[in-house]
Amino acid sequence: MPHILVFDSGIGGTSILSHIQNSLPAANYTYVMDNALLPYGLQSEETIQNRLTRLINKVTAKFFGEVDLIVIACNTASTYALAHIRQFTQIPIVGVVPAIKPAAQMSRSKRIALLATPATSKNKYTQSLVSEFASDCQVYFHHSTELVKLAERKFWLGESVIEQVHQELSVIGVNNLTDVLVLGCTHFPILAEEIASFYGSKLMLIDSGAAIAKRVSFLVSNKIINEESKKPLQFFATAMCDFSKLEVKILEL
């Protein structure tokens, strides 16, 4: 029975988790959020690398021999620290990066936009994805940490955030000729309905969830699936907040 650990700075990684669960419903899952440092999009590369290294050490100690795969379900953490943290564990790690390649393939106007956190938008790895897979496109970069906060509020408090999302998107100002918008933060699919209602049918939204689920399924395909040994989803956080919606344990990093 594969045990898959999914990590993000907040609740955004659940957008990736849901895709993986749909592909592998019988697997065991643990979700860890480093909400003490939320949002990662405002943190430095060094800070994120240090946090992820501590997480790997903690996970290795706490779940020794139990975790088969780690998913870093955060674009910022993946683009900043994936290569770095792979040095510290033998557990396979899957990262999430902006869906630049499929967006470039899908775009008819050859104008695509990336909506991400500042750290993801400006980082060298993201720029290399554009150079490699979207050299024939005009790529517009937009960033927001406010949308991260709104996704957290929607998930935990059940608030209607459509007006605030629309206000933020009006300030961001995506080019009118753009026909594909890459949701380059795992928090943003939580707001997909609100984002889609702002742009209407003229703009296609794309994220990495399905691709990550496919990759994870391939990597654990040799693990025995036994539904009788399935355990409930475990949630861990690095700081207290209003967790009334879920049973969450505190994990000290």
Protein backbone atom coordinates (compact mmCIF):
# COMPACT_ATOMS: atom_id res chain seq x y z
CA MET A 1 0.00 0.00 0.00
CA PRO A 2 1.77 3.22 -1.09
CA HIS A 3 2.03 6.02 1.45
CA ILE A 4 2.18 9.40 -0.27
CA LEU A 5 3.10 12.58 1.60
CA VAL A 6 1.92 15.86 0.06
CA PHE A 7 3.47 19.14 1.21
CA ASP A 8 2.65 22.82 0.72
CA SER A 9 2.95 26.08 2.63
CA GLY A 10 -0.81 26.11 3.15
CA ILE A 11 -3.95 24.45 1.90
CA GLY A 12 -3.18 24.99 -1.80
CA GLY A 13 -1.58 21.59 -2.17
CA THR A 14 -4.96 19.96 -1.61
CA SER A 15 -5.71 20.91 -5.23
CA ILE A 16 -2.90 18.53 -6.21
CA LEU A 17 -3.85 16.00 -3.55
CA SER A 18 -7.39 15.68 -4.93
CA HIS A 19 -6.06 14.79 -8.40
CA ILE A 20 -3.74 12.15 -6.91
CA GLN A 21 -6.52 10.70 -4.75
CA ASN A 22 -8.75 10.38 -7.79
CA SER A 23 -6.01 8.41 -9.56
CA LEU A 24 -5.01 6.34 -6.51
CA PRO A 25 -8.03 6.18 -4.18
CA ALA A 26 -6.70 3.18 -2.23
CA ALA A 27 -3.34 4.75 -1.30
CA ASN A 28 -2.54 6.21 2.13
CA TYR A 29 -1.97 9.97 2.36
CA THR A 30 -0.39 12.45 4.73
CA TYR A 31 -0.70 16.19 4.13
CA VAL A 32 1.78 18.62 5.71
CA MET A 33 1.44 22.40 5.50
CA ASP A 34 4.10 24.83 6.64
CA ASN A 35 1.56 27.52 7.48
CA ALA A 36 3.97 29.11 9.96
CA LEU A 37 5.74 30.56 6.91
CA LEU A 38 2.72 31.10 4.64
CA PRO A 39 2.92 32.35 1.90
CA TYR A 40 6.12 30.89 0.47
CA GLY A 41 5.87 33.34 -2.42
CA LEU A 42 7.26 36.08 -0.18
CA GLN A 43 10.20 34.02 1.15
CA SER A 44 13.79 33.89 -0.07
CA GLU A 45 15.28 30.92 -1.89
CA GLU A 46 17.61 30.22 1.05
CA THR A 47 14.74 30.29 3.55
CA ILE A 48 12.68 27.83 1.54
CA GLN A 49 15.62 25.49 1.00
CA ASN A 50 16.30 25.45 4.74
CA ARG A 51 12.63 24.81 5.58
CA LEU A 52 12.34 21.97 3.08
CA THR A 53 15.55 20.38 4.35
CA ARG A 54 14.17 20.44 7.90
CA LEU A 55 10.89 18.99 6.64
CA ILE A 56 12.64 16.10 4.91
CA ASN A 57 14.62 15.33 8.06
CA LYS A 58 11.44 15.49 10.17
CA VAL A 59 9.44 13.28 7.82
CA THR A 60 12.27 10.75 7.58
CA ALA A 61 12.39 10.53 11.38
CA LYS A 62 8.64 10.55 12.07
CA PHE A 63 7.56 8.19 9.27
CA PHE A 64 10.75 6.14 9.03
CA GLY A 65 10.35 3.52 6.32
CA GLU A 66 6.66 4.33 5.81
CA VAL A 67 6.64 7.08 3.15
CA ASP A 68 7.01 5.87 -0.44
CA LEU A 69 6.80 9.21 -2.22
CA ILE A 70 6.85 12.92 -1.36
CA VAL A 71 5.01 15.48 -3.48
CA ILE A 72 6.12 19.10 -3.07
CA ALA A 73 2.75 20.56 -4.07
CA CYS A 74 4.02 24.13 -4.22
CA ASN A 75 5.39 25.80 -7.34
CA THR A 76 7.61 28.18 -5.37
CA ALA A 77 9.11 25.43 -3.18
CA SER A 78 9.63 23.17 -6.19
CA THR A 79 11.34 25.76 -8.37
CA TYR A 80 13.52 26.98 -5.49
CA ALA A 81 14.42 23.84 -3.59
CA LEU A 82 13.61 20.57 -5.39
CA ALA A 83 17.16 19.80 -6.56
CA HIS A 84 18.53 20.86 -3.17
CA ILE A 85 16.35 18.63 -0.99
CA ARG A 86 16.79 15.54 -3.14
CA GLN A 87 20.31 15.35 -1.70
CA PHE A 88 18.93 14.55 1.75
CA THR A 89 16.68 11.55 1.16
CA GLN A 90 16.32 8.35 -0.82
CA ILE A 91 12.54 8.84 -0.93
CA PRO A 92 11.43 9.83 -4.46
CA ILE A 93 10.24 13.44 -4.65
CA VAL A 94 7.86 14.90 -7.23
CA GLY A 95 7.72 18.65 -7.63
CA VAL A 96 5.12 20.94 -9.17
CA VAL A 97 6.13 23.50 -11.77
CA PRO A 98 4.02 25.92 -13.85
CA ALA A 99 2.27 24.25 -16.81
CA ILE A 100 4.11 26.38 -19.38
CA LYS A 101 4.64 23.56 -21.89
CA PRO A 102 0.98 22.46 -22.27
CA ALA A 103 -0.15 26.10 -22.23
CA ALA A 104 2.12 26.91 -25.17
CA GLN A 105 0.82 23.87 -27.04
CA MET A 106 -2.82 24.81 -26.40
CA SER A 107 -2.59 28.51 -27.20
CA ARG A 108 -3.90 29.59 -30.59
CA SER A 109 -2.98 33.25 -30.21
CA LYS A 110 0.51 32.31 -28.96
CA ARG A 111 -0.03 34.66 -26.06
CA ILE A 112 -0.12 32.99 -22.66
CA ALA A 113 -0.07 34.38 -19.13
CA LEU A 114 1.42 32.97 -15.96
CA LEU A 115 -0.34 33.85 -12.72
CA ALA A 116 1.83 32.85 -9.78
CA THR A 117 3.47 34.14 -6.61
CA PRO A 118 6.31 36.69 -6.98
CA ALA A 119 8.94 34.04 -6.18
CA THR A 120 7.70 31.67 -8.90
CA SER A 121 7.18 34.39 -11.52
CA LYS A 122 10.66 35.82 -11.16
CA ASN A 123 12.68 32.70 -10.64
CA LYS A 124 15.28 31.35 -13.05
CA TYR A 125 13.69 27.92 -13.33
CA THR A 126 10.41 29.42 -14.51
CA GLN A 127 12.31 31.51 -17.05
CA SER A 128 14.03 28.36 -18.32
CA LEU A 129 10.64 26.67 -18.82
CA VAL A 130 9.54 29.60 -20.96
CA SER A 131 12.76 29.53 -23.00
CA GLU A 132 12.53 25.79 -23.58
CA PHE A 133 8.82 25.28 -24.19
CA ALA A 134 7.28 28.64 -25.09
CA SER A 135 9.88 30.36 -27.23
CA ASP A 136 7.25 30.86 -29.95
CA CYS A 137 4.85 32.58 -27.54
CA GLN A 138 4.52 35.95 -25.92
CA VAL A 139 4.44 35.13 -22.21
CA TYR A 140 3.05 37.64 -19.72
CA PHE A 141 4.02 37.31 -16.05
CA HIS A 142 1.61 38.26 -13.29
CA HIS A 143 1.90 37.61 -9.57
CA SER A 144 -0.30 37.75 -6.51
CA THR A 145 -0.04 36.76 -2.88
CA GLU A 146 -3.49 38.20 -2.15
CA LEU A 147 -5.08 35.31 -4.07
CA VAL A 148 -3.22 32.88 -1.80
CA LYS A 149 -4.81 34.52 1.23
CA LEU A 150 -8.24 34.48 -0.41
CA ALA A 151 -7.92 30.76 -1.22
CA GLU A 152 -7.08 30.08 2.43
CA ARG A 153 -10.10 32.07 3.59
CA LYS A 154 -12.41 30.30 1.16
CA PHE A 155 -11.21 26.86 2.24
CA TRP A 156 -11.07 27.32 6.00
CA LEU A 157 -13.87 29.81 6.59
CA GLY A 158 -16.17 29.01 3.68
CA GLU A 159 -16.32 32.68 2.79
CA SER A 160 -17.55 34.01 -0.53
CA VAL A 161 -14.47 35.71 -1.97
CA ILE A 162 -15.64 36.33 -5.53
CA GLU A 163 -15.68 40.13 -5.21
CA GLN A 164 -12.17 40.23 -3.74
CA VAL A 165 -10.85 37.83 -6.40
CA HIS A 166 -12.36 39.92 -9.19
CA GLN A 167 -10.91 43.08 -7.69
CA GLU A 168 -7.43 41.52 -7.55
CA LEU A 169 -7.69 40.25 -11.14
CA SER A 170 -8.77 43.67 -12.38
CA VAL A 171 -5.60 45.13 -10.87
CA ILE A 172 -3.45 42.35 -12.36
CA GLY A 173 -4.74 43.16 -15.86
CA VAL A 174 -4.08 40.13 -18.09
CA ASN A 175 -3.55 41.09 -21.75
CA ASN A 176 -6.78 40.88 -23.78
CA LEU A 177 -5.14 38.79 -26.52
CA THR A 178 -4.10 36.07 -24.06
CA ASP A 179 -6.05 32.84 -24.52
CA VAL A 180 -4.44 30.56 -21.89
CA LEU A 181 -3.84 31.42 -18.24
CA VAL A 182 -1.46 29.18 -16.28
CA LEU A 183 -2.40 28.89 -12.62
CA GLY A 184 1.16 28.75 -11.34
CA CYS A 185 0.35 28.43 -7.64
CA THR A 186 -1.43 25.41 -6.19
CA HIS A 187 -3.69 27.73 -4.18
CA PHE A 188 -5.19 29.20 -7.33
CA PRO A 189 -7.22 26.16 -8.52
CA ILE A 190 -9.18 26.54 -5.28
CA LEU A 191 -10.33 29.85 -6.82
CA ALA A 192 -10.83 28.44 -10.33
CA GLU A 193 -14.57 29.12 -10.32
CA GLU A 194 -14.08 32.75 -9.28
CA ILE A 195 -11.23 33.28 -11.76
CA ALA A 196 -13.19 31.68 -14.62
CA SER A 197 -16.22 33.85 -13.90
CA PHE A 198 -14.06 36.98 -14.22
CA TYR A 199 -12.55 36.09 -17.61
CA GLY A 200 -15.43 34.11 -19.09
CA SER A 201 -14.89 31.69 -21.94
CA LYS A 202 -12.26 33.79 -23.70
CA LEU A 203 -9.51 32.51 -21.43
CA MET A 204 -8.63 28.86 -20.77
CA LEU A 205 -7.28 27.99 -17.32
CA ILE A 206 -4.65 25.30 -16.89
CA ASP A 207 -2.78 23.90 -13.90
CA SER A 208 -0.43 20.98 -13.17
CA GLY A 209 -2.76 18.77 -11.10
CA ALA A 210 -3.57 16.09 -13.67
CA ALA A 211 0.05 15.83 -14.87
CA ILE A 212 1.35 15.41 -11.31
CA ALA A 213 -1.23 12.71 -10.56
CA LYS A 214 -0.15 10.82 -13.69
CA ARG A 215 3.50 11.03 -12.66
CA VAL A 216 2.78 9.88 -9.11
CA SER A 217 0.70 6.93 -10.35
CA PHE A 218 3.60 5.83 -12.55
CA LEU A 219 6.17 6.05 -9.74
CA VAL A 220 4.13 3.94 -7.29
CA SER A 221 2.78 1.50 -9.87
CA ASN A 222 4.93 -1.30 -8.41
CA LYS A 223 3.41 -0.92 -4.94
CA ILE A 224 0.79 -3.42 -3.80
CA ILE A 225 -2.66 -1.88 -3.40
CA ASN A 226 -4.58 -3.38 -0.50
CA GLU A 227 -7.76 -1.46 0.28
CA GLU A 228 -8.16 -3.28 3.61
CA SER A 229 -5.04 -1.53 4.98
CA LYS A 230 -6.09 1.97 3.93
CA LYS A 231 -5.85 4.60 6.70
CA PRO A 232 -7.60 7.97 7.05
CA LEU A 233 -5.94 11.02 5.55
CA GLN A 234 -3.63 12.66 8.11
CA PHE A 235 -3.18 16.46 8.29
CA PHE A 236 -0.22 18.20 9.92
CA ALA A 237 0.57 21.93 10.24
CA THR A 238 3.52 23.89 11.61
CA ALA A 239 1.39 26.56 13.33
CA MET A 240 -1.98 26.75 15.02
CA CYS A 241 -4.99 28.34 13.32
CA ASP A 242 -8.73 27.70 13.12
CA PHE A 243 -8.71 24.06 12.06
CA SER A 244 -12.38 23.43 12.90
CA LYS A 245 -12.94 22.08 9.39
CA LEU A 246 -10.33 19.33 9.76
CA GLU A 247 -8.49 17.38 12.43
CA VAL A 248 -4.94 18.77 12.19
CA LYS A 249 -1.90 17.84 14.27
CA ILE A 250 0.99 20.23 14.90
CA LEU A 251 4.36 19.26 13.43
CA GLU A 252 7.27 21.24 14.81
CA LEU A 253 10.00 22.02 12.29
